[in-house]
């Protein structure tokens, strides 16, 4: 019997796990939903970290059934990836001190401004250091009691191994995690910040707690996976210049592999997970979350499949209805915490079908906005490889292809973060000489969606989509000032 590899991804709303053979075959997978708190009514966007613990336990017990001793005894590696930047604050025992502050959390805007003024470094409020500084200012007792600051994936790894660490997914991202210099300038306690490692590093072995709490045998090597977007890049095979990965989920991350860097504040750019390339990226805040919001508020008795069917029936352009998906501000390419959602062009002849179509199409417009910003700097792609369950929704894939004009590739294994974690484990075990080689050997494509020929309506609506935000930017700012 060949060896097995266990992978997890701590998503924003779903925790996923997969058991693979060392040859790359997905033997079994399991997903468990978790719920964020405050998502719909506050800048405080939180989640209880114990939900992740319970979900990982449920998944691991399912994938490593005590009755299946063969798979348990041949387990060769464990890799965990996760959403971020989500801040988890724990005691040494591993007990969370407060709910985790998710990547959607915008409470640390003033701290972000302070960091820029103090250090000259722009760090968005969603990232770790502004949140930690907010804790020191507003929850001083919690800050003082904190043993470590971790991300969701590294929190689970800490429970597995007892070893704290944080992953730097690429050269140039250090300040978005933390550096010794920034910690010192902000007068924070260095001992609360775990050391950093790179993707694929061996970070420890599963300890007694991994067996008693999660049912994972002791002594199994654990390799650093890190952020979900990095695993998605590997798990979709977007590892050559000009290839793109659309990490589709609650939010959307557009990652293009480039031979050269881009220097522009609207985009993020850092070393690709595959050397010597660069990853040019734009993160869109609420894409899948916008669909979830629409279903919850307008069609609570309907399934998501009904919403996708409605969108298809609405037709291209949803009868000239546009939706701005800025339900929690927007990151790339706007970086505007005050931006808000809106339906534009709503009239008496529009109904739920057109509204559903407009919400799905808003993802395509947001992706195109990011891609056209990249193209202004010479970063081009003809393809987007879809990571996540959204890749299984044909109507959404076709909408993205039609609006962006890019081919949409769907990997055979939809849960690409888990496949990327498999590639990381195989590299860590020495089965491949590089992460790129592992990705190219493991990933296969099952479907391709070609752009439609008549893009005129989408070209026109996209221009209005872009102009509408610029027209309302001042209104959003004024709205934010109202108590």
Protein backbone atom coordinates (compact mmCIF):
# COMPACT_ATOMS: atom_id res chain seq x y z
CA UNK A 1 0.00 0.00 0.00
CA UNK A 2 1.34 3.42 -0.94
CA UNK A 3 1.69 6.13 1.68
CA UNK A 4 -1.01 8.67 2.47
CA UNK A 5 -0.92 12.43 3.03
CA UNK A 6 -3.43 14.38 5.12
CA UNK A 7 -4.25 17.99 4.17
CA UNK A 8 -6.54 20.64 5.65
CA UNK A 9 -7.68 24.10 4.59
CA UNK A 10 -9.23 26.44 7.16
CA UNK A 11 -11.59 28.46 4.98
CA UNK A 12 -13.66 31.49 5.93
CA UNK A 13 -16.94 29.56 5.95
CA UNK A 14 -15.87 25.97 5.25
CA UNK A 15 -13.10 23.84 6.75
CA UNK A 16 -11.93 21.21 4.26
CA UNK A 17 -9.81 18.10 4.57
CA UNK A 18 -8.45 15.59 2.10
CA UNK A 19 -6.63 12.29 2.30
CA UNK A 20 -4.42 11.64 -0.71
CA UNK A 21 -2.26 8.76 -1.82
CA UNK A 22 1.37 9.71 -2.29
CA UNK A 23 0.76 9.22 -6.03
CA UNK A 24 -1.68 12.16 -5.95
CA UNK A 25 -5.04 10.37 -5.93
CA UNK A 26 -7.71 11.95 -3.71
CA UNK A 27 -8.90 9.02 -1.61
CA UNK A 28 -11.42 10.81 0.54
CA UNK A 29 -12.48 14.35 1.42
CA UNK A 30 -14.76 16.02 3.93
CA UNK A 31 -15.99 19.57 4.52
CA UNK A 32 -17.58 21.22 7.57
CA UNK A 33 -19.25 24.65 7.55
CA UNK A 34 -18.34 27.27 10.14
CA UNK A 35 -20.03 30.62 10.77
CA UNK A 36 -18.44 34.03 11.14
CA UNK A 37 -19.91 36.49 13.66
CA UNK A 38 -20.87 40.07 12.92
CA UNK A 39 -20.49 39.64 9.17
CA UNK A 40 -23.59 41.58 8.23
CA UNK A 41 -23.73 44.52 10.62
CA UNK A 42 -20.34 45.59 11.91
CA UNK A 43 -16.71 46.31 11.16
CA UNK A 44 -16.02 43.65 13.80
CA UNK A 45 -15.79 40.47 11.71
CA UNK A 46 -14.98 37.58 14.02
CA UNK A 47 -15.08 33.81 14.37
CA UNK A 48 -14.63 31.44 17.28
CA UNK A 49 -11.35 29.51 16.67
CA UNK A 50 -12.81 26.52 18.50
CA UNK A 51 -15.10 26.05 15.50
CA UNK A 52 -11.98 25.29 13.47
CA UNK A 53 -10.80 22.87 16.13
CA UNK A 54 -14.12 21.04 16.15
CA UNK A 55 -14.25 20.94 12.34
CA UNK A 56 -10.68 19.64 11.99
CA UNK A 57 -11.45 16.96 14.60
CA UNK A 58 -14.61 15.89 12.77
CA UNK A 59 -12.81 15.79 9.43
CA UNK A 60 -9.74 13.92 10.65
CA UNK A 61 -11.88 11.32 12.44
CA UNK A 62 -13.76 10.81 9.18
CA UNK A 63 -10.69 10.61 6.96
CA UNK A 64 -8.65 8.48 9.38
CA UNK A 65 -11.25 6.07 10.66
CA UNK A 66 -9.88 3.92 13.51
CA UNK A 67 -11.14 0.92 11.57
CA UNK A 68 -8.95 1.83 8.58
CA UNK A 69 -5.59 1.04 10.14
CA UNK A 70 -3.90 0.78 6.74
CA UNK A 71 -4.35 4.46 5.91
CA UNK A 72 -3.52 5.56 9.46
CA UNK A 73 -0.34 3.50 9.60
CA UNK A 74 0.93 4.74 6.24
CA UNK A 75 0.39 8.45 6.95
CA UNK A 76 3.54 10.23 5.77
CA UNK A 77 2.81 13.94 6.19
CA UNK A 78 0.31 16.58 7.32
CA UNK A 79 -0.09 20.04 5.75
CA UNK A 80 -2.51 22.78 6.83
CA UNK A 81 -3.38 25.96 4.91
CA UNK A 82 -5.89 28.63 5.80
CA UNK A 83 -7.56 31.96 5.25
CA UNK A 84 -5.92 35.19 6.25
CA UNK A 85 -4.92 37.65 7.39
CA UNK A 86 -7.03 36.38 10.29
CA UNK A 87 -5.53 36.99 13.73
CA UNK A 88 -5.79 34.28 16.37
CA UNK A 89 -4.68 35.17 19.91
CA UNK A 90 -3.87 32.25 22.22
CA UNK A 91 -2.52 31.29 25.61
CA UNK A 92 0.39 28.85 25.79
CA UNK A 93 -2.07 25.99 26.32
CA UNK A 94 -3.58 26.76 22.92
CA UNK A 95 -6.79 28.21 24.33
CA UNK A 96 -8.01 31.23 22.34
CA UNK A 97 -8.29 34.40 24.41
CA UNK A 98 -10.81 36.13 22.13
CA UNK A 99 -12.67 35.42 18.89
CA UNK A 100 -10.32 35.52 15.91
CA UNK A 101 -10.31 38.81 14.00
CA UNK A 102 -10.94 37.76 10.40
CA UNK A 103 -9.52 39.18 7.20
CA UNK A 104 -12.81 41.06 6.74
CA UNK A 105 -12.35 42.90 10.05
CA UNK A 106 -11.84 46.65 9.54
CA UNK A 107 -11.65 47.91 13.15
CA UNK A 108 -7.95 48.79 12.97
CA UNK A 109 -8.17 51.64 10.42
CA UNK A 110 -6.67 54.22 12.82
CA UNK A 111 -3.90 51.82 13.74
CA UNK A 112 -3.14 51.32 10.04
CA UNK A 113 -2.80 55.08 9.62
CA UNK A 114 -0.60 55.26 12.72
CA UNK A 115 1.72 52.54 11.39
CA UNK A 116 2.13 54.39 8.09
CA UNK A 117 2.92 57.62 9.92
CA UNK A 118 5.32 55.92 12.33
CA UNK A 119 7.15 53.61 9.91
CA UNK A 120 6.34 54.84 6.41
CA UNK A 121 4.95 51.37 5.62
CA UNK A 122 1.36 51.05 4.37
CA UNK A 123 -0.36 48.04 5.95
CA UNK A 124 -4.09 47.64 5.34
CA UNK A 125 -6.30 47.35 8.49
CA UNK A 126 -7.11 43.75 7.57
CA UNK A 127 -3.52 42.62 8.25
CA UNK A 128 -1.91 41.41 11.45
CA UNK A 129 0.08 44.34 12.85
CA UNK A 130 -2.77 46.90 12.79
CA UNK A 131 -5.01 44.40 14.58
CA UNK A 132 -2.36 43.60 17.17
CA UNK A 133 -1.78 47.30 17.78
CA UNK A 134 -5.56 47.73 18.16
CA UNK A 135 -5.54 45.01 20.81
CA UNK A 136 -2.77 46.74 22.72
CA UNK A 137 -4.71 50.01 22.67
CA UNK A 138 -8.24 48.73 23.28
CA UNK A 139 -7.90 45.27 24.89
CA UNK A 140 -4.73 45.72 26.86
CA UNK A 141 -5.40 42.85 29.26
CA UNK A 142 -5.89 40.44 26.34
CA UNK A 143 -2.74 41.73 24.70
CA UNK A 144 -0.73 41.21 27.88
CA UNK A 145 -2.09 37.67 28.41
CA UNK A 146 -1.36 36.65 24.82
CA UNK A 147 1.32 33.99 24.47
CA UNK A 148 1.33 33.97 20.65
CA UNK A 149 -0.28 35.66 17.66
CA UNK A 150 -1.04 33.15 14.90
CA UNK A 151 -3.01 32.67 11.69
CA UNK A 152 -5.76 29.97 11.49
CA UNK A 153 -3.49 27.42 9.79
CA UNK A 154 -0.63 28.01 12.20
CA UNK A 155 -3.02 27.80 15.15
CA UNK A 156 -4.08 24.30 14.07
CA UNK A 157 -0.44 23.38 13.46
CA UNK A 158 0.39 24.58 16.98
CA UNK A 159 -2.26 22.23 18.35
CA UNK A 160 -0.81 19.40 16.25
CA UNK A 161 2.86 19.93 17.15
CA UNK A 162 3.17 22.36 20.07
CA UNK A 163 5.49 24.44 17.86
CA UNK A 164 4.56 28.08 17.03
CA UNK A 165 5.48 29.57 13.67
CA UNK A 166 4.14 31.81 10.91
CA UNK A 167 4.55 31.29 7.17
CA UNK A 168 5.95 33.97 4.87
CA UNK A 169 4.43 32.88 1.54
CA UNK A 170 6.79 34.93 -0.61
CA UNK A 171 9.72 37.31 -0.46
CA UNK A 172 8.35 40.84 -0.19
CA UNK A 173 5.44 39.93 2.09
CA UNK A 174 7.35 40.08 5.35
CA UNK A 175 5.84 43.41 6.44
CA UNK A 176 2.32 42.03 5.94
CA UNK A 177 3.11 39.30 8.46
CA UNK A 178 5.68 41.00 10.69
CA UNK A 179 9.35 41.83 10.93
CA UNK A 180 11.59 42.43 13.92
CA UNK A 181 12.12 46.02 12.82
CA UNK A 182 8.39 46.79 12.63
CA UNK A 183 7.71 45.07 15.96
CA UNK A 184 10.40 47.20 17.58
CA UNK A 185 9.22 50.46 16.00
CA UNK A 186 5.66 49.81 17.18
CA UNK A 187 6.91 48.96 20.71
CA UNK A 188 5.33 45.51 20.73
CA UNK A 189 6.67 42.52 22.68
CA UNK A 190 8.83 40.37 20.41
CA UNK A 191 8.28 37.17 22.37
CA UNK A 192 4.60 37.13 21.38
CA UNK A 193 5.52 36.86 17.68
CA UNK A 194 6.51 33.35 16.53
CA UNK A 195 9.42 32.84 14.14
CA UNK A 196 8.65 32.81 10.42
CA UNK A 197 9.29 30.01 7.93
CA UNK A 198 8.80 29.46 4.21
CA UNK A 199 6.33 27.16 2.45
CA UNK A 200 7.38 23.53 2.55
CA UNK A 201 9.54 23.83 5.66
CA UNK A 202 9.29 20.94 8.12
CA UNK A 203 7.95 22.55 11.29
CA UNK A 204 7.57 19.62 13.66
CA UNK A 205 5.89 16.30 14.24
CA UNK A 206 2.40 15.46 15.41
CA UNK A 207 2.43 15.23 19.20
CA UNK A 208 0.23 13.47 21.76
CA UNK A 209 -2.50 16.12 21.46
CA UNK A 210 -2.82 15.42 17.73
CA UNK A 211 -3.72 11.83 18.54
CA UNK A 212 -5.98 12.41 21.54
CA UNK A 213 -7.84 15.46 20.19
CA UNK A 214 -7.83 14.81 16.44
CA UNK A 215 -7.13 11.11 15.96
CA UNK A 216 -3.92 11.73 14.00
CA UNK A 217 -1.06 9.34 14.84
CA UNK A 218 1.95 10.72 16.68
CA UNK A 219 5.29 11.28 14.99
CA UNK A 220 4.05 12.32 11.53
CA UNK A 221 6.02 15.17 9.88
CA UNK A 222 4.15 18.46 9.54
CA UNK A 223 5.11 20.80 6.68
CA UNK A 224 4.29 24.50 6.44
CA UNK A 225 1.44 25.23 4.03
CA UNK A 226 0.50 28.77 4.96
CA UNK A 227 -2.05 30.98 3.18
CA UNK A 228 -4.80 29.41 1.10
CA UNK A 229 -3.95 31.49 -1.97
CA UNK A 230 -0.44 30.00 -2.13
CA UNK A 231 -1.81 26.46 -1.97
CA UNK A 232 -4.43 27.37 -4.59
CA UNK A 233 -1.70 28.55 -6.97
CA UNK A 234 0.08 25.22 -6.64
CA UNK A 235 -3.17 23.26 -6.70
CA UNK A 236 -4.29 24.80 -10.00
CA UNK A 237 -0.93 24.59 -11.74
CA UNK A 238 -0.54 28.36 -12.17
CA UNK A 239 3.23 28.08 -11.97
CA UNK A 240 4.47 29.48 -15.30
CA UNK A 241 4.70 33.14 -16.39
CA UNK A 242 1.38 34.23 -17.90
CA UNK A 243 -0.69 31.67 -16.01
CA UNK A 244 -3.36 32.94 -13.63
CA UNK A 245 -5.15 31.55 -10.61
CA UNK A 246 -8.58 32.72 -9.46
CA UNK A 247 -8.89 31.61 -5.86
CA UNK A 248 -12.66 31.76 -5.66
CA UNK A 249 -14.49 31.55 -2.37
CA UNK A 250 -15.90 33.93 0.18
CA UNK A 251 -13.49 36.45 -1.32
CA UNK A 252 -11.55 36.29 -4.59
CA UNK A 253 -7.81 36.35 -5.09
CA UNK A 254 -6.49 36.93 -8.61
CA UNK A 255 -2.88 35.78 -8.85
CA UNK A 256 -0.84 36.09 -12.05
CA UNK A 257 2.59 34.51 -12.40
CA UNK A 258 4.95 37.10 -13.87
CA UNK A 259 8.60 37.20 -14.92
CA UNK A 260 8.94 40.76 -13.59
CA UNK A 261 7.56 42.71 -10.62
CA UNK A 262 4.94 45.46 -10.56
CA UNK A 263 5.25 48.50 -8.31
CA UNK A 264 1.82 50.03 -7.78
CA UNK A 265 -0.17 50.58 -4.59
CA UNK A 266 -3.37 49.21 -6.13
CA UNK A 267 -1.83 45.76 -6.49
CA UNK A 268 0.27 43.48 -4.35
CA UNK A 269 3.47 42.02 -5.75
CA UNK A 270 5.94 39.66 -4.15
CA UNK A 271 7.97 36.62 -5.00
CA UNK A 272 5.89 33.78 -6.41
CA UNK A 273 5.76 30.51 -4.50
CA UNK A 274 7.83 29.22 -7.45
CA UNK A 275 11.22 30.90 -7.82
CA UNK A 276 12.34 33.07 -9.61
CA UNK A 277 8.93 34.40 -10.64
CA UNK A 278 6.74 37.12 -9.16
CA UNK A 279 3.14 36.90 -8.03
CA UNK A 280 1.08 39.93 -9.06
CA UNK A 281 -2.17 39.82 -7.15
CA UNK A 282 -5.39 41.64 -6.44
CA UNK A 283 -7.69 40.59 -3.62
CA UNK A 284 -11.43 41.23 -3.98
CA UNK A 285 -13.22 41.30 -0.63
CA UNK A 286 -16.79 40.00 -1.06
CA UNK A 287 -17.56 37.84 -4.08
CA UNK A 288 -18.86 34.52 -2.80
CA UNK A 289 -19.87 36.41 0.33
CA UNK A 290 -22.06 38.68 -1.83
CA UNK A 291 -23.88 35.64 -3.24
CA UNK A 292 -24.33 34.27 0.28
CA UNK A 293 -25.64 37.67 1.43
CA UNK A 294 -28.10 37.80 -1.48
CA UNK A 295 -29.39 34.31 -0.76
CA UNK A 296 -29.74 34.96 2.95
CA UNK A 297 -31.51 38.30 2.57
CA UNK A 298 -33.66 37.78 -0.52
CA UNK A 299 -34.10 34.03 -1.07
CA UNK A 300 -33.60 32.35 2.33
CA UNK A 301 -35.82 29.40 1.41
CA UNK A 302 -34.07 28.84 -1.92
CA UNK A 303 -30.93 26.81 -2.59
CA UNK A 304 -27.81 28.28 -4.13
CA UNK A 305 -28.52 26.15 -7.21
CA UNK A 306 -31.74 28.15 -7.65
CA UNK A 307 -29.77 31.39 -7.57
CA UNK A 308 -27.39 30.10 -10.24
CA UNK A 309 -30.38 29.02 -12.34
CA UNK A 310 -31.94 32.48 -11.89
CA UNK A 311 -28.71 34.13 -13.03
CA UNK A 312 -28.59 32.00 -16.15
CA UNK A 313 -32.22 32.82 -16.98
CA UNK A 314 -31.56 36.56 -16.51
CA UNK A 315 -29.34 36.54 -19.60
CA UNK A 316 -26.15 38.44 -20.33
CA UNK A 317 -26.11 41.82 -18.63
CA UNK A 318 -29.15 41.01 -16.44
CA UNK A 319 -31.26 43.52 -18.40
CA UNK A 320 -28.70 46.29 -17.83
CA UNK A 321 -28.65 45.88 -14.05
CA UNK A 322 -25.29 46.41 -12.31
CA UNK A 323 -24.34 45.42 -8.77
CA UNK A 324 -21.36 46.84 -6.84
CA UNK A 325 -20.16 44.04 -4.53
CA UNK A 326 -18.46 46.27 -1.95
CA UNK A 327 -20.36 44.90 1.04
CA UNK A 328 -17.37 45.18 3.38
CA UNK A 329 -15.36 47.86 1.63
CA UNK A 330 -13.06 46.80 -1.17
CA UNK A 331 -9.44 45.89 -1.50
CA UNK A 332 -7.85 45.67 -4.96
CA UNK A 333 -7.75 47.82 -6.94
CA UNK A 334 -9.67 50.40 -4.86
CA UNK A 335 -8.41 49.89 -1.29
CA UNK A 336 -11.39 51.77 0.06
CA UNK A 337 -12.79 50.80 3.46
CA UNK A 338 -15.75 53.13 2.93
CA UNK A 339 -16.97 51.61 -0.35
CA UNK A 340 -20.40 50.01 -0.14
CA UNK A 341 -22.64 47.82 -2.26
CA UNK A 342 -25.33 49.11 -4.60
CA UNK A 343 -27.70 48.04 -7.36
CA UNK A 344 -27.55 50.46 -10.31
CA UNK A 345 -30.29 50.71 -12.89
CA UNK A 346 -32.93 48.94 -10.80
CA UNK A 347 -36.38 49.44 -12.33
CA UNK A 348 -39.89 48.00 -12.33
CA UNK A 349 -39.03 45.38 -14.92
CA UNK A 350 -36.23 43.90 -12.79
CA UNK A 351 -36.86 41.02 -10.42
CA UNK A 352 -34.97 38.48 -8.36
CA UNK A 353 -33.60 36.72 -11.44
CA UNK A 354 -31.93 39.88 -12.74
CA UNK A 355 -30.69 40.75 -9.27
CA UNK A 356 -29.17 37.28 -8.91
CA UNK A 357 -27.54 37.64 -12.32
CA UNK A 358 -26.14 41.06 -11.45
CA UNK A 359 -24.62 39.73 -8.21
CA UNK A 360 -22.83 36.92 -10.07
CA UNK A 361 -21.74 39.25 -12.85
CA UNK A 362 -20.29 41.68 -10.30
CA UNK A 363 -17.58 39.10 -9.62
CA UNK A 364 -16.64 39.11 -13.31
CA UNK A 365 -16.49 42.92 -13.36
CA UNK A 366 -14.37 43.01 -10.20
CA UNK A 367 -11.97 40.44 -11.65
CA UNK A 368 -11.73 42.37 -14.92
CA UNK A 369 -11.03 45.56 -12.97
CA UNK A 370 -8.05 43.86 -11.34
CA UNK A 371 -6.84 42.26 -14.59
CA UNK A 372 -6.99 45.53 -16.55
CA UNK A 373 -5.04 47.25 -13.78
CA UNK A 374 -2.38 44.54 -14.12
CA UNK A 375 -2.36 44.81 -17.91
CA UNK A 376 -1.51 48.50 -17.56
CA UNK A 377 1.85 47.31 -16.23
CA UNK A 378 2.43 44.67 -18.89
CA UNK A 379 1.19 41.69 -16.86
CA UNK A 380 -1.05 39.67 -19.19
CA UNK A 381 -2.78 36.31 -18.96
CA UNK A 382 -5.07 34.42 -21.28
CA UNK A 383 -6.30 32.03 -18.62
CA UNK A 384 -7.65 31.84 -15.10
CA UNK A 385 -7.44 28.54 -13.27
CA UNK A 386 -10.27 28.29 -10.76
CA UNK A 387 -9.59 27.14 -7.22
CA UNK A 388 -12.42 26.25 -4.87
CA UNK A 389 -15.98 24.97 -5.05
CA UNK A 390 -17.02 27.94 -7.20
CA UNK A 391 -15.19 26.17 -10.02
CA UNK A 392 -17.99 23.60 -10.06
CA UNK A 393 -20.61 26.23 -10.96
CA UNK A 394 -20.71 26.26 -14.75
CA UNK A 395 -22.85 29.38 -15.16
CA UNK A 396 -20.49 31.40 -12.96
CA UNK A 397 -17.43 30.13 -14.85
CA UNK A 398 -19.01 31.13 -18.15
CA UNK A 399 -19.91 34.59 -16.80
CA UNK A 400 -16.28 35.10 -15.75
CA UNK A 401 -15.02 33.95 -19.15
CA UNK A 402 -17.46 36.21 -21.03
CA UNK A 403 -16.76 39.34 -18.97
CA UNK A 404 -12.97 39.00 -18.72
CA UNK A 405 -12.32 37.47 -22.14
CA UNK A 406 -10.10 34.84 -20.51
CA UNK A 407 -10.30 31.07 -20.75
CA UNK A 408 -11.41 29.49 -17.48
CA UNK A 409 -9.66 26.24 -16.53
CA UNK A 410 -11.25 23.96 -13.93
CA UNK A 411 -8.92 21.44 -12.21
CA UNK A 412 -10.04 17.85 -11.79
CA UNK A 413 -9.88 18.22 -8.00
CA UNK A 414 -12.04 21.25 -7.19
CA UNK A 415 -10.54 21.72 -3.71
CA UNK A 416 -7.31 23.10 -5.10
CA UNK A 417 -5.98 24.30 -1.73
CA UNK A 418 -5.88 20.66 -0.65
CA UNK A 419 -4.08 19.66 -3.87
CA UNK A 420 -1.58 22.45 -3.30
CA UNK A 421 -0.98 21.18 0.21
CA UNK A 422 -0.37 17.72 -1.27
CA UNK A 423 2.24 19.23 -3.63
CA UNK A 424 3.86 20.94 -0.62
CA UNK A 425 4.03 17.66 1.31
CA UNK A 426 5.53 15.76 -1.62
CA UNK A 427 8.15 18.49 -2.05
CA UNK A 428 8.86 18.47 1.69
CA UNK A 429 9.28 14.69 1.63
CA UNK A 430 11.77 14.98 -1.22
CA UNK A 431 9.58 13.26 -3.85
CA UNK A 432 9.98 16.26 -6.16
CA UNK A 433 12.89 18.64 -6.56
CA UNK A 434 10.69 21.75 -6.53
CA UNK A 435 7.17 22.95 -5.80
CA UNK A 436 6.81 23.74 -9.50
CA UNK A 437 7.62 20.20 -10.52
CA UNK A 438 5.18 18.80 -7.96
CA UNK A 439 2.40 21.06 -9.23
CA UNK A 440 3.01 20.27 -12.89
CA UNK A 441 3.02 16.52 -12.23
CA UNK A 442 0.01 16.41 -9.91
CA UNK A 443 -2.53 18.92 -11.33
CA UNK A 444 -4.84 17.99 -14.22
CA UNK A 445 -7.59 20.06 -15.89
CA UNK A 446 -11.10 18.65 -16.35
CA UNK A 447 -13.02 21.53 -18.02
CA UNK A 448 -12.31 24.66 -20.08
CA UNK A 449 -14.77 27.56 -20.54
CA UNK A 450 -14.17 29.73 -23.61
CA UNK A 451 -15.21 33.43 -23.75
CA UNK A 452 -18.33 34.15 -25.78
CA UNK A 453 -18.10 36.07 -29.04
CA UNK A 454 -20.51 38.92 -28.27
CA UNK A 455 -18.87 40.86 -25.45
CA UNK A 456 -20.21 44.28 -26.42
CA UNK A 457 -22.82 44.45 -23.67
CA UNK A 458 -20.27 43.40 -21.05
CA UNK A 459 -17.75 45.94 -22.34
CA UNK A 460 -20.33 48.71 -21.97
CA UNK A 461 -21.55 47.56 -18.56
CA UNK A 462 -18.00 47.14 -17.28
CA UNK A 463 -17.19 50.75 -18.12
CA UNK A 464 -20.29 51.84 -16.21
CA UNK A 465 -19.31 49.54 -13.32
CA UNK A 466 -15.95 51.29 -13.04
CA UNK A 467 -17.35 54.81 -13.47
CA UNK A 468 -20.13 54.26 -10.94
CA UNK A 469 -17.68 53.71 -8.09
CA UNK A 470 -15.73 56.84 -9.02
CA UNK A 471 -18.99 58.80 -9.14
CA UNK A 472 -20.06 57.58 -5.70
CA UNK A 473 -16.70 57.54 -3.91
CA UNK A 474 -17.37 60.90 -2.26
CA UNK A 475 -20.86 59.78 -1.23
CA UNK A 476 -19.41 56.65 0.40
CA UNK A 477 -16.96 58.80 2.38
CA UNK A 478 -19.72 61.15 3.51
CA UNK A 479 -21.92 58.23 4.47
CA UNK A 480 -19.15 56.81 6.65
CA UNK A 481 -18.98 60.09 8.62
CA UNK A 482 -22.62 59.88 9.71
CA UNK A 483 -22.92 58.64 13.31
